[in-house]
N, C-alpha and C. Protein backbone atom coordinates (compact mmCIF):
# COMPACT_ATOMS: atom_id res chain seq x y z
N MET A 1 -189.07 146.28 14.74
CA MET A 1 -187.78 146.06 14.06
C MET A 1 -186.73 145.34 15.07
N ALA A 2 -186.67 145.89 16.35
CA ALA A 2 -185.81 145.24 17.28
C ALA A 2 -186.09 143.84 17.60
N LYS A 3 -187.59 143.79 17.50
CA LYS A 3 -187.99 142.37 17.97
C LYS A 3 -187.55 141.48 16.82
N SER A 4 -188.00 141.66 15.56
CA SER A 4 -187.44 140.96 14.69
C SER A 4 -185.71 140.55 14.41
N ILE A 5 -185.16 141.64 15.03
CA ILE A 5 -183.71 140.96 15.07
C ILE A 5 -183.72 140.05 16.03
N LEU A 6 -183.93 140.46 17.21
CA LEU A 6 -183.93 139.45 18.42
C LEU A 6 -184.50 138.23 17.94
N VAL A 7 -185.56 137.80 17.53
CA VAL A 7 -186.18 136.68 17.10
C VAL A 7 -185.12 135.87 16.02
N LEU A 8 -184.59 136.79 15.30
CA LEU A 8 -183.71 136.35 14.19
C LEU A 8 -182.40 135.93 14.92
N LEU A 9 -181.93 136.54 15.72
CA LEU A 9 -181.09 136.46 16.65
C LEU A 9 -180.77 134.88 17.42
N LEU A 10 -182.22 134.73 18.03
CA LEU A 10 -182.41 133.51 18.73
C LEU A 10 -182.61 132.27 18.07
N VAL A 11 -182.96 132.45 16.84
CA VAL A 11 -183.05 131.51 15.94
C VAL A 11 -181.79 130.83 15.49
N SER A 12 -181.03 131.90 14.97
CA SER A 12 -179.70 131.37 14.51
C SER A 12 -178.94 130.67 15.57
N LEU A 13 -179.08 131.38 17.02
CA LEU A 13 -178.37 131.05 17.91
C LEU A 13 -178.56 129.47 18.19
N LEU A 14 -180.13 129.21 18.38
CA LEU A 14 -180.37 128.08 18.32
C LEU A 14 -179.89 127.10 17.46
N TYR A 15 -180.06 127.29 16.30
CA TYR A 15 -179.60 126.57 15.12
C TYR A 15 -178.40 126.36 15.11
N SER A 16 -177.33 127.21 15.32
CA SER A 16 -175.90 126.85 15.76
C SER A 16 -175.63 126.35 16.84
N SER A 17 -175.99 126.24 17.62
CA SER A 17 -176.10 125.19 18.85
C SER A 17 -176.59 123.93 18.66
N THR A 18 -177.70 123.59 17.81
CA THR A 18 -178.05 122.25 17.40
C THR A 18 -176.93 121.77 16.32
N ILE A 19 -176.50 122.48 15.47
CA ILE A 19 -175.59 122.23 14.62
C ILE A 19 -174.11 121.49 15.57
N ALA A 20 -174.07 122.33 16.52
CA ALA A 20 -172.36 122.03 17.09
C ALA A 20 -172.83 120.62 17.89
N LYS A 21 -173.90 120.70 18.67
CA LYS A 21 -174.07 119.36 19.37
C LYS A 21 -174.09 118.08 18.48
N SER A 22 -174.95 118.26 17.18
CA SER A 22 -174.93 117.29 16.32
C SER A 22 -173.47 116.85 15.44
N ALA A 23 -172.66 117.70 15.33
CA ALA A 23 -171.52 117.68 14.92
C ALA A 23 -170.05 116.96 16.05
N THR A 24 -170.48 117.16 17.22
CA THR A 24 -169.59 116.46 18.04
C THR A 24 -169.70 115.02 18.12
N PRO A 25 -170.80 114.38 18.36
CA PRO A 25 -170.90 112.95 18.31
C PRO A 25 -170.19 112.42 17.02
N ALA A 26 -170.68 113.17 16.12
CA ALA A 26 -170.18 112.37 14.46
C ALA A 26 -168.84 112.42 14.38
N SER A 27 -167.82 113.56 14.87
CA SER A 27 -166.40 113.64 15.08
C SER A 27 -166.01 112.48 15.89
N SER A 28 -166.97 112.53 17.09
CA SER A 28 -166.29 111.48 18.08
C SER A 28 -166.20 109.88 17.63
N SER A 29 -167.42 109.79 16.87
CA SER A 29 -167.88 108.69 16.26
C SER A 29 -166.65 108.30 15.26
N THR A 30 -166.72 109.32 14.61
CA THR A 30 -165.52 109.12 13.44
C THR A 30 -163.91 108.94 14.00
N SER A 31 -163.75 109.52 15.07
CA SER A 31 -162.41 109.13 15.78
C SER A 31 -162.31 107.90 16.29
N ALA A 32 -163.46 107.42 16.94
CA ALA A 32 -163.56 106.21 17.48
C ALA A 32 -163.60 105.04 16.27
N SER A 33 -164.17 105.08 15.25
CA SER A 33 -163.87 104.12 13.98
C SER A 33 -162.65 104.20 13.49
N ASN A 34 -162.07 105.36 13.42
CA ASN A 34 -160.47 105.38 12.84
C ASN A 34 -159.61 104.71 13.77
N PHE A 35 -159.89 104.98 15.15
CA PHE A 35 -158.78 104.41 16.08
C PHE A 35 -159.08 102.81 15.78
N ILE A 36 -160.66 102.24 16.05
CA ILE A 36 -160.77 100.94 15.66
C ILE A 36 -159.88 100.40 14.57
N LYS A 37 -159.88 100.76 13.46
CA LYS A 37 -159.46 100.70 12.17
C LYS A 37 -157.96 100.51 12.25
N ALA A 38 -157.30 101.40 12.61
CA ALA A 38 -155.95 101.84 13.18
C ALA A 38 -155.55 100.33 13.86
N SER A 39 -156.11 100.32 14.94
CA SER A 39 -155.79 99.12 16.12
C SER A 39 -155.94 97.72 15.49
N CYS A 40 -156.96 97.54 14.62
CA CYS A 40 -157.41 96.59 13.93
C CYS A 40 -156.07 95.93 12.81
N ARG A 41 -155.36 96.73 12.39
CA ARG A 41 -154.55 96.56 11.36
C ARG A 41 -153.40 95.65 11.80
N THR A 42 -153.26 95.67 13.09
CA THR A 42 -152.40 95.09 13.71
C THR A 42 -152.48 93.33 13.97
N THR A 43 -153.75 93.17 13.67
CA THR A 43 -154.47 91.54 13.95
C THR A 43 -154.42 90.75 12.71
N THR A 44 -154.39 89.44 12.99
CA THR A 44 -154.14 88.59 11.67
C THR A 44 -155.55 88.71 10.87
N TYR A 45 -156.72 89.06 11.11
CA TYR A 45 -157.71 89.39 10.38
C TYR A 45 -158.52 90.83 10.68
N PRO A 46 -157.78 91.65 10.08
CA PRO A 46 -158.06 93.13 10.21
C PRO A 46 -159.57 93.29 9.75
N ALA A 47 -160.00 92.88 8.85
CA ALA A 47 -161.52 93.10 8.29
C ALA A 47 -162.50 92.64 9.31
N LEU A 48 -162.23 91.38 9.68
CA LEU A 48 -163.18 90.69 10.58
C LEU A 48 -163.07 91.63 12.24
N CYS A 49 -161.69 91.86 12.46
CA CYS A 49 -161.88 92.82 13.56
C CYS A 49 -162.38 94.19 13.66
N VAL A 50 -162.29 94.71 12.36
CA VAL A 50 -163.07 96.11 12.28
C VAL A 50 -164.63 95.69 12.32
N GLN A 51 -165.20 94.93 11.59
CA GLN A 51 -166.46 94.19 11.46
C GLN A 51 -166.88 93.82 12.74
N SER A 52 -166.41 93.14 13.72
CA SER A 52 -166.90 92.55 14.97
C SER A 52 -166.90 93.99 15.95
N LEU A 53 -166.03 94.77 15.67
CA LEU A 53 -165.70 95.92 16.92
C LEU A 53 -166.53 97.21 16.54
N SER A 54 -166.85 97.65 15.33
CA SER A 54 -167.19 98.60 15.00
C SER A 54 -168.60 99.15 15.48
N ALA A 55 -169.35 98.07 15.69
CA ALA A 55 -170.70 98.26 16.38
C ALA A 55 -170.50 98.92 17.96
N TYR A 56 -169.29 98.66 18.48
CA TYR A 56 -169.10 99.20 19.68
C TYR A 56 -168.34 100.42 19.81
N ALA A 57 -168.30 101.16 18.85
CA ALA A 57 -167.30 102.56 18.56
C ALA A 57 -167.70 103.40 19.56
N THR A 58 -168.87 103.65 20.18
CA THR A 58 -169.27 104.72 21.17
C THR A 58 -168.66 104.23 22.28
N SER A 59 -168.69 102.98 22.76
CA SER A 59 -168.23 102.56 24.38
C SER A 59 -166.69 102.38 24.05
N ILE A 60 -166.13 102.18 22.96
CA ILE A 60 -164.93 102.02 22.93
C ILE A 60 -163.94 103.33 22.72
N GLN A 61 -164.66 104.29 22.07
CA GLN A 61 -164.16 105.70 21.92
C GLN A 61 -162.81 105.46 21.55
N GLN A 62 -161.58 106.08 22.09
CA GLN A 62 -160.37 105.74 21.62
C GLN A 62 -159.43 105.28 22.87
N SER A 63 -159.95 104.43 23.50
CA SER A 63 -159.49 103.72 24.80
C SER A 63 -158.71 102.20 24.50
N PRO A 64 -157.86 102.10 24.55
CA PRO A 64 -156.99 100.98 24.26
C PRO A 64 -157.51 99.87 25.38
N PHE A 65 -157.87 100.04 26.51
CA PHE A 65 -158.12 99.25 27.48
C PHE A 65 -159.61 98.80 26.83
N GLN A 66 -160.41 99.61 26.71
CA GLN A 66 -161.81 99.44 26.44
C GLN A 66 -162.09 98.65 25.00
N LEU A 67 -160.98 98.84 24.28
CA LEU A 67 -161.05 98.02 23.26
C LEU A 67 -160.36 96.72 23.24
N THR A 68 -159.57 96.54 24.08
CA THR A 68 -159.18 95.39 24.42
C THR A 68 -160.30 94.35 25.25
N VAL A 69 -160.79 94.97 26.14
CA VAL A 69 -161.98 94.29 26.84
C VAL A 69 -163.12 93.93 25.86
N THR A 70 -163.61 94.84 24.78
CA THR A 70 -164.63 94.58 24.00
C THR A 70 -164.41 93.45 23.04
N ALA A 71 -163.27 93.49 22.60
CA ALA A 71 -162.52 92.53 21.74
C ALA A 71 -162.47 91.03 22.43
N LEU A 72 -162.01 90.94 23.89
CA LEU A 72 -162.52 89.89 24.44
C LEU A 72 -163.81 89.12 24.59
N SER A 73 -164.66 90.11 24.96
CA SER A 73 -165.94 90.21 25.03
C SER A 73 -166.82 89.56 23.97
N VAL A 74 -166.37 90.21 22.88
CA VAL A 74 -166.84 89.60 21.53
C VAL A 74 -166.39 88.07 21.21
N SER A 75 -165.36 87.86 21.35
CA SER A 75 -164.66 86.41 21.53
C SER A 75 -165.44 85.63 22.46
N LEU A 76 -165.62 85.84 23.90
CA LEU A 76 -166.50 85.02 24.58
C LEU A 76 -168.02 84.89 24.10
N ASP A 77 -168.61 85.90 23.63
CA ASP A 77 -169.90 85.72 23.14
C ASP A 77 -169.94 84.93 22.13
N ARG A 78 -169.02 84.82 21.20
CA ARG A 78 -169.26 84.08 19.84
C ARG A 78 -168.80 82.68 20.44
N ALA A 79 -167.78 82.42 21.39
CA ALA A 79 -167.62 81.14 21.99
C ALA A 79 -168.88 80.33 22.30
N GLN A 80 -169.73 81.26 23.43
CA GLN A 80 -170.76 80.82 24.04
C GLN A 80 -172.01 80.29 23.23
N SER A 81 -172.23 81.50 22.11
CA SER A 81 -173.06 81.00 21.11
C SER A 81 -172.51 79.49 20.40
N THR A 82 -171.40 79.40 19.90
CA THR A 82 -170.80 78.07 19.27
C THR A 82 -171.01 76.93 20.44
N LYS A 83 -170.74 77.29 21.40
CA LYS A 83 -171.16 76.10 22.54
C LYS A 83 -172.31 75.74 22.52
N SER A 84 -173.31 76.34 22.60
CA SER A 84 -174.76 76.33 22.54
C SER A 84 -175.06 75.55 21.31
N PHE A 85 -174.93 75.90 20.04
CA PHE A 85 -175.12 75.26 18.99
C PHE A 85 -174.66 73.88 18.94
N ILE A 86 -173.22 73.63 19.46
CA ILE A 86 -172.38 72.10 19.43
C ILE A 86 -173.24 71.30 20.63
N TYR A 87 -173.84 72.08 21.69
CA TYR A 87 -174.51 71.30 22.55
C TYR A 87 -175.65 70.51 21.96
N LYS A 88 -176.52 71.39 21.10
CA LYS A 88 -177.65 70.91 20.41
C LYS A 88 -177.51 69.74 19.55
N LEU A 89 -176.22 69.90 19.03
CA LEU A 89 -176.06 68.69 17.92
C LEU A 89 -175.47 67.46 18.40
N THR A 90 -175.41 67.47 19.96
CA THR A 90 -175.25 66.27 20.64
C THR A 90 -176.45 65.57 20.94
N LYS A 91 -177.32 66.41 20.75
CA LYS A 91 -178.51 65.76 20.89
C LYS A 91 -179.31 65.10 19.75
N LEU A 92 -178.85 65.33 18.72
CA LEU A 92 -179.24 64.75 17.71
C LEU A 92 -179.26 63.30 17.33
N LYS A 93 -180.48 62.78 16.69
CA LYS A 93 -180.62 61.55 16.58
C LYS A 93 -180.01 61.16 15.13
N GLY A 94 -179.50 59.81 14.86
CA GLY A 94 -179.30 59.26 13.68
C GLY A 94 -177.85 59.78 13.39
N VAL A 95 -176.80 60.30 14.20
CA VAL A 95 -175.68 60.64 13.80
C VAL A 95 -174.62 59.45 14.09
N LYS A 96 -173.92 59.44 13.26
CA LYS A 96 -172.77 58.16 13.30
C LYS A 96 -172.09 58.26 14.45
N ALA A 97 -171.41 57.20 14.98
CA ALA A 97 -170.90 57.16 16.61
C ALA A 97 -169.51 57.95 16.27
N ARG A 98 -169.01 57.89 14.96
CA ARG A 98 -167.75 58.58 14.91
C ARG A 98 -167.57 60.12 15.01
N GLU A 99 -168.82 60.69 14.12
CA GLU A 99 -169.32 62.05 14.08
C GLU A 99 -169.46 62.34 15.46
N MET A 100 -170.44 61.39 16.23
CA MET A 100 -170.83 62.13 17.58
C MET A 100 -169.84 62.30 18.75
N GLU A 101 -168.81 61.18 18.42
CA GLU A 101 -167.58 61.37 19.15
C GLU A 101 -166.87 62.64 18.99
N ALA A 102 -166.77 63.31 17.70
CA ALA A 102 -165.82 64.45 17.60
C ALA A 102 -166.61 65.54 17.71
N ILE A 103 -168.14 65.80 17.80
CA ILE A 103 -169.03 66.58 18.29
C ILE A 103 -168.60 66.64 20.01
N LYS A 104 -168.72 65.53 20.75
CA LYS A 104 -168.37 65.55 21.86
C LYS A 104 -167.04 66.16 22.21
N ASP A 105 -166.28 65.87 21.72
CA ASP A 105 -164.89 66.37 21.83
C ASP A 105 -164.56 67.76 21.79
N CYS A 106 -165.53 68.20 20.46
CA CYS A 106 -165.26 69.48 20.47
C CYS A 106 -165.96 70.37 21.20
N LEU A 107 -167.13 69.82 21.83
CA LEU A 107 -167.86 70.49 22.90
C LEU A 107 -166.76 70.84 23.96
N GLU A 108 -166.08 69.79 24.44
CA GLU A 108 -165.40 69.83 25.57
C GLU A 108 -164.29 70.72 25.43
N GLU A 109 -163.75 70.82 24.06
CA GLU A 109 -162.61 72.00 23.94
C GLU A 109 -163.52 73.26 23.87
N ILE A 110 -164.55 73.55 23.46
CA ILE A 110 -165.27 74.80 23.13
C ILE A 110 -165.69 75.05 25.02
N ASP A 111 -165.94 74.19 25.64
CA ASP A 111 -166.50 74.69 26.95
C ASP A 111 -165.12 74.83 27.68
N ASP A 112 -163.78 74.28 27.40
CA ASP A 112 -162.76 74.77 28.03
C ASP A 112 -162.39 76.30 27.64
N THR A 113 -162.77 76.58 26.19
CA THR A 113 -162.44 77.93 25.72
C THR A 113 -163.52 78.95 26.23
N VAL A 114 -164.92 78.34 26.64
CA VAL A 114 -165.42 79.70 27.40
C VAL A 114 -165.20 79.94 28.65
N ASP A 115 -164.70 78.71 29.42
CA ASP A 115 -164.16 78.95 30.72
C ASP A 115 -162.99 79.71 30.81
N ARG A 116 -161.85 79.62 29.77
CA ARG A 116 -160.89 80.52 29.76
C ARG A 116 -160.97 81.77 29.35
N LEU A 117 -162.03 82.25 28.33
CA LEU A 117 -162.34 83.55 28.18
C LEU A 117 -163.07 84.27 29.22
N SER A 118 -164.00 83.73 29.76
CA SER A 118 -164.62 84.08 30.94
C SER A 118 -163.61 84.45 31.89
N LYS A 119 -162.86 83.51 32.68
CA LYS A 119 -162.01 84.04 33.32
C LYS A 119 -160.89 85.36 32.85
N SER A 120 -160.70 85.23 31.51
CA SER A 120 -159.83 86.26 30.94
C SER A 120 -160.57 87.77 31.00
N VAL A 121 -161.64 87.73 30.80
CA VAL A 121 -162.72 89.17 30.81
C VAL A 121 -162.61 89.48 32.01
N LYS A 122 -162.90 88.52 33.11
CA LYS A 122 -163.15 88.94 34.36
C LYS A 122 -161.60 89.71 35.06
N GLU A 123 -160.59 88.93 34.52
CA GLU A 123 -159.23 89.42 34.90
C GLU A 123 -159.08 90.84 34.30
N LEU A 124 -159.20 91.04 33.02
CA LEU A 124 -158.97 92.03 32.58
C LEU A 124 -159.75 93.29 32.97
N LYS A 125 -160.94 93.12 33.34
CA LYS A 125 -161.98 94.14 34.05
C LYS A 125 -161.36 94.52 35.50
N ASN A 126 -160.99 93.73 36.20
CA ASN A 126 -160.40 93.98 37.43
C ASN A 126 -158.86 94.27 37.39
N LEU A 127 -158.14 94.50 36.22
CA LEU A 127 -156.93 95.13 36.31
C LEU A 127 -157.06 96.53 36.74
N GLY A 128 -158.18 97.08 36.50
CA GLY A 128 -158.22 98.38 36.94
C GLY A 128 -157.00 99.46 36.94
N GLU A 129 -156.45 99.90 38.17
CA GLU A 129 -155.45 100.76 38.23
C GLU A 129 -153.68 99.85 38.35
N SER A 130 -154.33 98.97 38.16
CA SER A 130 -152.71 97.91 38.52
C SER A 130 -151.43 98.64 37.69
N LYS A 131 -150.41 98.40 38.50
CA LYS A 131 -149.34 99.16 37.79
C LYS A 131 -148.09 98.11 38.10
N GLY A 132 -146.93 98.23 37.27
CA GLY A 132 -145.89 97.21 37.49
C GLY A 132 -146.05 95.93 37.41
N LYS A 133 -145.58 95.33 38.38
CA LYS A 133 -145.33 94.00 38.43
C LYS A 133 -147.19 93.22 38.91
N ASP A 134 -147.98 94.17 39.42
CA ASP A 134 -148.99 93.48 39.49
C ASP A 134 -150.07 93.53 38.11
N PHE A 135 -149.79 94.95 37.38
CA PHE A 135 -150.15 94.74 36.12
C PHE A 135 -149.70 93.49 35.42
N GLN A 136 -148.40 93.17 35.19
CA GLN A 136 -147.94 92.36 34.67
C GLN A 136 -148.37 90.88 34.92
N ARG A 137 -148.53 90.95 36.05
CA ARG A 137 -149.14 89.31 36.71
C ARG A 137 -150.65 89.12 36.18
N HIS A 138 -151.43 90.25 36.14
CA HIS A 138 -152.93 90.06 35.54
C HIS A 138 -152.70 90.02 34.11
N ILE A 139 -152.02 90.63 33.55
CA ILE A 139 -151.96 90.80 31.85
C ILE A 139 -151.51 89.42 31.50
N SER A 140 -150.64 88.86 32.17
CA SER A 140 -149.92 87.71 31.67
C SER A 140 -151.20 86.41 31.87
N ASN A 141 -151.86 86.60 33.06
CA ASN A 141 -152.82 85.34 33.32
C ASN A 141 -153.79 85.51 32.01
N VAL A 142 -154.16 86.66 31.64
CA VAL A 142 -155.16 87.09 30.48
C VAL A 142 -154.61 86.48 29.17
N GLU A 143 -153.27 86.81 28.68
CA GLU A 143 -152.42 86.36 27.73
C GLU A 143 -152.55 84.70 27.76
N THR A 144 -152.14 84.06 28.89
CA THR A 144 -151.79 82.82 28.72
C THR A 144 -153.34 82.00 28.67
N TRP A 145 -154.51 82.50 29.15
CA TRP A 145 -155.77 81.98 29.03
C TRP A 145 -156.46 82.17 27.77
N VAL A 146 -156.19 83.41 27.29
CA VAL A 146 -156.83 83.42 25.82
C VAL A 146 -155.89 82.55 24.85
N SER A 147 -154.39 82.35 24.87
CA SER A 147 -153.66 81.75 24.16
C SER A 147 -154.16 80.17 24.19
N ALA A 148 -154.54 79.75 25.34
CA ALA A 148 -154.79 78.49 25.89
C ALA A 148 -156.36 78.20 25.09
N ALA A 149 -157.05 79.09 25.08
CA ALA A 149 -158.56 79.25 24.50
C ALA A 149 -158.21 78.80 23.01
N LEU A 150 -157.27 79.79 22.27
CA LEU A 150 -157.10 79.57 21.14
C LEU A 150 -156.70 78.07 20.62
N THR A 151 -155.76 77.76 21.43
CA THR A 151 -155.42 76.12 21.24
C THR A 151 -156.55 75.37 21.35
N ASP A 152 -157.60 75.22 22.23
CA ASP A 152 -159.03 74.50 22.42
C ASP A 152 -159.60 74.54 21.28
N GLU A 153 -159.70 76.11 20.40
CA GLU A 153 -160.57 76.04 19.12
C GLU A 153 -159.95 75.27 18.00
N ASN A 154 -158.61 75.40 17.90
CA ASN A 154 -158.17 74.89 16.75
C ASN A 154 -157.99 73.66 16.88
N THR A 155 -157.89 73.00 18.34
CA THR A 155 -158.04 71.53 18.53
C THR A 155 -159.37 70.62 18.04
N CYS A 156 -160.25 71.91 18.41
CA CYS A 156 -161.81 71.07 18.02
C CYS A 156 -161.89 71.14 16.37
N VAL A 157 -161.46 71.98 15.54
CA VAL A 157 -161.19 71.98 14.46
C VAL A 157 -160.59 70.71 13.91
N ASP A 158 -159.16 70.59 14.30
CA ASP A 158 -158.35 69.35 13.79
C ASP A 158 -159.13 68.11 14.18
N GLY A 159 -159.75 68.35 15.03
CA GLY A 159 -160.79 67.00 15.71
C GLY A 159 -161.60 66.19 14.14
N PHE A 160 -162.07 67.39 13.42
CA PHE A 160 -162.71 67.01 12.26
C PHE A 160 -162.07 66.46 11.06
N ALA A 161 -160.50 66.82 11.05
CA ALA A 161 -159.68 66.53 9.84
C ALA A 161 -159.64 64.72 9.62
N GLY A 162 -159.93 64.35 8.22
CA GLY A 162 -159.71 63.32 7.97
C GLY A 162 -160.77 62.26 8.58
N LYS A 163 -161.66 62.58 9.08
CA LYS A 163 -163.09 61.82 9.44
C LYS A 163 -164.26 61.69 8.35
N ALA A 164 -164.47 60.82 8.14
CA ALA A 164 -165.89 60.61 7.20
C ALA A 164 -167.00 61.45 7.82
N LEU A 165 -166.91 62.58 7.82
CA LEU A 165 -168.27 63.25 8.66
C LEU A 165 -169.24 63.83 7.76
N ASN A 166 -170.39 63.84 7.96
CA ASN A 166 -171.37 64.46 7.25
C ASN A 166 -170.87 65.98 6.81
N GLY A 167 -171.12 65.93 5.72
CA GLY A 167 -170.53 67.30 4.94
C GLY A 167 -171.16 68.56 5.45
N LYS A 168 -172.26 68.73 5.51
CA LYS A 168 -172.99 69.97 5.97
C LYS A 168 -172.81 69.94 7.54
N LEU A 169 -172.82 69.03 8.17
CA LEU A 169 -172.56 69.05 9.66
C LEU A 169 -171.17 69.44 9.80
N ASN A 170 -170.46 68.99 9.19
CA ASN A 170 -168.93 69.31 9.43
C ASN A 170 -168.66 70.82 9.02
N SER A 171 -169.28 70.98 8.01
CA SER A 171 -168.85 72.41 7.49
C SER A 171 -169.37 73.37 8.40
N SER A 172 -170.56 73.07 8.90
CA SER A 172 -171.18 74.03 9.99
C SER A 172 -170.50 74.22 11.18
N ILE A 173 -169.84 73.12 11.89
CA ILE A 173 -169.33 73.51 12.96
C ILE A 173 -167.90 73.93 12.70
N LYS A 174 -167.19 73.66 11.85
CA LYS A 174 -166.11 74.25 11.37
C LYS A 174 -166.08 75.83 11.31
N ALA A 175 -167.05 76.10 10.44
CA ALA A 175 -167.21 77.70 10.32
C ALA A 175 -167.42 78.11 11.50
N ARG A 176 -168.58 77.79 12.30
CA ARG A 176 -168.46 78.56 13.76
C ARG A 176 -166.94 78.74 14.49
N ILE A 177 -166.66 77.53 14.63
CA ILE A 177 -165.37 77.36 15.35
C ILE A 177 -163.96 78.25 14.78
N VAL A 178 -164.11 78.27 13.30
CA VAL A 178 -163.12 79.08 12.65
C VAL A 178 -163.37 80.30 12.86
N ASN A 179 -164.53 81.07 13.21
CA ASN A 179 -164.90 82.42 13.36
C ASN A 179 -164.35 82.69 14.87
N VAL A 180 -165.12 81.72 15.83
CA VAL A 180 -164.55 82.01 17.35
C VAL A 180 -162.73 81.94 17.33
N ALA A 181 -162.06 81.17 16.45
CA ALA A 181 -160.72 81.19 16.60
C ALA A 181 -160.03 82.42 16.09
N GLN A 182 -160.94 82.93 15.18
CA GLN A 182 -160.21 84.04 14.40
C GLN A 182 -160.59 85.45 15.20
N VAL A 183 -161.70 85.58 15.71
CA VAL A 183 -162.06 86.61 16.71
C VAL A 183 -161.05 86.74 18.00
N THR A 184 -160.75 85.55 18.42
CA THR A 184 -160.08 85.25 19.60
C THR A 184 -158.56 85.56 19.30
N SER A 185 -158.38 85.03 18.05
CA SER A 185 -156.83 85.50 17.67
C SER A 185 -156.62 87.10 17.41
N ASN A 186 -157.69 87.73 17.15
CA ASN A 186 -157.93 89.14 17.12
C ASN A 186 -157.72 89.76 18.35
N ALA A 187 -158.47 89.43 19.39
CA ALA A 187 -158.39 89.73 20.67
C ALA A 187 -157.08 89.51 21.36
N LEU A 188 -156.59 88.57 21.25
CA LEU A 188 -154.94 88.04 21.63
C LEU A 188 -153.99 89.29 21.19
N ALA A 189 -154.20 89.51 19.68
CA ALA A 189 -153.15 90.45 19.45
C ALA A 189 -153.59 91.81 19.91
N LEU A 190 -154.73 92.19 20.35
CA LEU A 190 -155.09 93.34 21.01
C LEU A 190 -154.77 93.57 22.27
N ILE A 191 -154.68 92.40 23.07
CA ILE A 191 -153.99 92.11 24.47
C ILE A 191 -152.46 92.21 24.32
N ASN A 192 -151.96 91.80 23.59
CA ASN A 192 -150.54 91.47 23.62
C ASN A 192 -150.02 93.38 23.37
N LYS A 193 -150.85 93.78 22.40
CA LYS A 193 -150.47 95.28 22.11
C LYS A 193 -150.68 96.17 23.16
N PHE A 194 -151.82 96.01 23.84
CA PHE A 194 -152.02 96.98 25.16
C PHE A 194 -151.17 96.37 26.14
N ALA A 195 -150.93 95.06 26.58
CA ALA A 195 -149.73 94.87 27.17
C ALA A 195 -148.44 95.52 26.98
N SER A 196 -148.10 95.54 25.69
CA SER A 196 -146.64 96.24 25.38
C SER A 196 -146.65 97.47 25.76
N LYS A 197 -147.74 98.27 25.59
CA LYS A 197 -147.82 99.56 25.95
C LYS A 197 -147.94 100.23 27.66
N ASN A 198 -148.06 99.26 28.20
CA ASN A 198 -148.39 99.42 29.68
C ASN A 198 -147.49 98.88 30.65
């Protein structure tokens, strides 16, 4: 009888310990997801913000710094992917001269975007424990570079306006650039929010 009670006690102890372990990550994950949703409400494209950052909830947790770094990294990743796509288009045969000119101009703009976002990610990651004027200098650099990257993206899209470009080619490039511009805009909003609280 004592053995059965001991076995029953051990089983219930193991069961409750397993339940407790599985409940912690779920509540932590829910808290991180809620943090991302609340933070994204202040951005221009909140649904895209949540969609692009939710996959990183476990690394973001409830850290405004990690949220900012992740948002900027997502923007950089999409910009690099778009740059590769546009570069491949410069190798296409049979593209009209006006179209190729717009594509090459856009490639130059997106190349500048990638450069500025790369510098911004590095600057933000190196921010570390900076305080006061040192913090303001670093965060100001990031805000300036990300804002310039956003301008580059918009300049690329503007380069396709009013030109007689191939419909599919035009819409394919625009869709990618607009997506990069939107995630960059969201990253800039989160950077500005982070800067204002520090």
